N, C-alpha and C. Protein backbone atom coordinates (compact mmCIF):
# COMPACT_ATOMS: atom_id res chain seq x y z
N LEU A 1 -12.04 5.69 5.11
CA LEU A 1 -11.13 6.06 6.18
C LEU A 1 -11.70 7.21 7.00
N ARG A 2 -12.36 8.15 6.35
CA ARG A 2 -12.96 9.25 7.10
C ARG A 2 -14.02 8.74 8.07
N LEU A 3 -14.77 7.72 7.67
CA LEU A 3 -15.76 7.13 8.58
C LEU A 3 -15.08 6.57 9.81
N CYS A 4 -13.94 5.90 9.63
CA CYS A 4 -13.20 5.33 10.76
C CYS A 4 -12.78 6.40 11.76
N MET A 5 -12.53 7.60 11.28
CA MET A 5 -12.06 8.66 12.16
C MET A 5 -13.20 9.28 12.97
N ASN A 6 -14.45 8.92 12.66
CA ASN A 6 -15.60 9.50 13.35
C ASN A 6 -16.35 8.51 14.22
N VAL A 7 -15.79 7.33 14.42
CA VAL A 7 -16.41 6.33 15.30
C VAL A 7 -15.45 6.02 16.44
N THR A 8 -15.96 5.36 17.48
CA THR A 8 -15.10 5.08 18.63
C THR A 8 -14.31 3.79 18.48
N THR A 9 -14.80 2.86 17.67
CA THR A 9 -14.13 1.57 17.52
C THR A 9 -14.20 1.10 16.07
N VAL A 10 -13.10 0.54 15.58
CA VAL A 10 -13.06 -0.08 14.26
C VAL A 10 -12.48 -1.47 14.45
N LEU A 11 -13.14 -2.49 13.90
CA LEU A 11 -12.69 -3.87 14.02
C LEU A 11 -12.57 -4.46 12.63
N CYS A 12 -11.40 -4.99 12.31
CA CYS A 12 -11.16 -5.64 11.03
C CYS A 12 -10.72 -7.07 11.31
N CYS A 13 -11.35 -8.03 10.64
CA CYS A 13 -11.02 -9.45 10.86
C CYS A 13 -10.61 -10.10 9.55
N ARG A 14 -9.89 -11.22 9.68
CA ARG A 14 -9.48 -12.04 8.55
C ARG A 14 -8.61 -11.27 7.57
N MET A 15 -7.65 -10.54 8.11
CA MET A 15 -6.72 -9.76 7.30
C MET A 15 -5.33 -10.37 7.41
N THR A 16 -4.54 -10.21 6.37
CA THR A 16 -3.15 -10.65 6.44
C THR A 16 -2.39 -9.66 7.32
N PRO A 17 -1.23 -10.05 7.83
CA PRO A 17 -0.44 -9.13 8.63
C PRO A 17 -0.10 -7.83 7.88
N LEU A 18 0.16 -7.91 6.58
CA LEU A 18 0.46 -6.70 5.80
C LEU A 18 -0.76 -5.79 5.68
N GLN A 19 -1.93 -6.37 5.47
CA GLN A 19 -3.16 -5.57 5.41
C GLN A 19 -3.43 -4.89 6.74
N LYS A 20 -3.23 -5.64 7.82
CA LYS A 20 -3.45 -5.09 9.16
C LYS A 20 -2.50 -3.93 9.44
N ALA A 21 -1.25 -4.09 9.06
CA ALA A 21 -0.27 -3.02 9.25
C ALA A 21 -0.65 -1.79 8.44
N ALA A 22 -1.15 -2.00 7.24
CA ALA A 22 -1.56 -0.86 6.40
C ALA A 22 -2.73 -0.11 7.02
N VAL A 23 -3.71 -0.84 7.57
CA VAL A 23 -4.85 -0.19 8.21
C VAL A 23 -4.40 0.61 9.43
N VAL A 24 -3.54 0.01 10.25
CA VAL A 24 -3.04 0.72 11.44
C VAL A 24 -2.29 1.97 11.03
N ARG A 25 -1.45 1.87 10.01
CA ARG A 25 -0.67 3.02 9.54
C ARG A 25 -1.60 4.12 9.01
N LEU A 26 -2.61 3.75 8.22
CA LEU A 26 -3.54 4.73 7.68
C LEU A 26 -4.34 5.42 8.77
N VAL A 27 -4.84 4.64 9.73
CA VAL A 27 -5.63 5.23 10.81
C VAL A 27 -4.75 6.11 11.69
N SER A 28 -3.52 5.68 11.95
CA SER A 28 -2.63 6.44 12.84
C SER A 28 -2.08 7.70 12.20
N HIS A 29 -1.77 7.63 10.90
CA HIS A 29 -1.07 8.75 10.27
C HIS A 29 -1.76 9.31 9.04
N GLY A 30 -2.74 8.61 8.49
CA GLY A 30 -3.31 8.97 7.19
C GLY A 30 -4.10 10.25 7.16
N LEU A 31 -4.81 10.57 8.23
CA LEU A 31 -5.66 11.75 8.24
C LEU A 31 -5.39 12.59 9.47
N ASP A 32 -4.15 12.99 9.66
CA ASP A 32 -3.79 13.81 10.82
C ASP A 32 -4.69 15.04 10.87
N GLY A 33 -5.25 15.28 12.03
CA GLY A 33 -6.09 16.46 12.22
C GLY A 33 -7.57 16.21 11.99
N VAL A 34 -7.95 15.12 11.34
CA VAL A 34 -9.35 14.83 11.11
C VAL A 34 -9.90 14.11 12.33
N GLY A 35 -11.07 14.51 12.79
CA GLY A 35 -11.70 13.85 13.92
C GLY A 35 -11.36 14.48 15.25
N GLY A 36 -10.33 15.29 15.32
CA GLY A 36 -9.97 15.96 16.56
C GLY A 36 -9.47 14.99 17.61
N GLY A 37 -8.97 15.52 18.72
CA GLY A 37 -8.54 14.68 19.82
C GLY A 37 -7.18 14.06 19.67
N GLY A 38 -6.41 14.45 18.68
CA GLY A 38 -5.07 13.90 18.52
C GLY A 38 -5.06 12.57 17.79
N ARG A 39 -3.92 11.93 17.84
CA ARG A 39 -3.72 10.66 17.14
C ARG A 39 -4.47 9.53 17.83
N PRO A 40 -5.17 8.67 17.08
CA PRO A 40 -5.94 7.59 17.69
C PRO A 40 -5.06 6.48 18.24
N VAL A 41 -5.61 5.71 19.17
CA VAL A 41 -4.94 4.53 19.72
C VAL A 41 -5.28 3.35 18.82
N THR A 42 -4.27 2.58 18.42
CA THR A 42 -4.50 1.43 17.55
C THR A 42 -3.88 0.18 18.16
N ALA A 43 -4.43 -0.98 17.82
CA ALA A 43 -3.88 -2.26 18.25
C ALA A 43 -4.14 -3.27 17.14
N ALA A 44 -3.15 -4.09 16.85
CA ALA A 44 -3.29 -5.14 15.85
C ALA A 44 -3.10 -6.48 16.56
N VAL A 45 -4.11 -7.34 16.48
CA VAL A 45 -4.09 -8.61 17.20
C VAL A 45 -4.21 -9.75 16.20
N GLY A 46 -3.47 -10.82 16.43
CA GLY A 46 -3.60 -12.01 15.61
C GLY A 46 -2.66 -12.04 14.43
N ASP A 47 -2.77 -13.13 13.66
CA ASP A 47 -1.87 -13.31 12.52
C ASP A 47 -2.62 -13.48 11.21
N GLY A 48 -3.91 -13.18 11.19
CA GLY A 48 -4.70 -13.30 9.99
C GLY A 48 -5.47 -14.60 9.91
N GLY A 49 -4.93 -15.68 10.45
CA GLY A 49 -5.59 -16.96 10.39
C GLY A 49 -6.50 -17.24 11.57
N ASN A 50 -6.19 -16.63 12.71
CA ASN A 50 -6.99 -16.91 13.91
C ASN A 50 -7.44 -15.64 14.61
N ASP A 51 -7.60 -14.55 13.87
CA ASP A 51 -8.00 -13.28 14.47
C ASP A 51 -9.31 -13.39 15.25
N VAL A 52 -10.31 -14.02 14.65
CA VAL A 52 -11.62 -14.10 15.28
C VAL A 52 -11.53 -14.85 16.60
N ALA A 53 -10.83 -15.96 16.62
CA ALA A 53 -10.69 -16.74 17.86
C ALA A 53 -9.93 -15.96 18.93
N MET A 54 -8.92 -15.19 18.54
CA MET A 54 -8.14 -14.43 19.51
C MET A 54 -8.95 -13.29 20.12
N LEU A 55 -9.83 -12.69 19.33
CA LEU A 55 -10.64 -11.59 19.85
C LEU A 55 -11.75 -12.13 20.71
């Protein structure tokens, strides 16, 4: 997770909706103050079965 806070983009594919929600929640709230610049912008696309095609 700390690595995610130090890069400009993170892409996760082939995840269930619950896994995707957990990643968004962790990135948005899990490490407040790490990485600077305030809270990151997050987006969750797809339903787990067709994520790659939608992106």
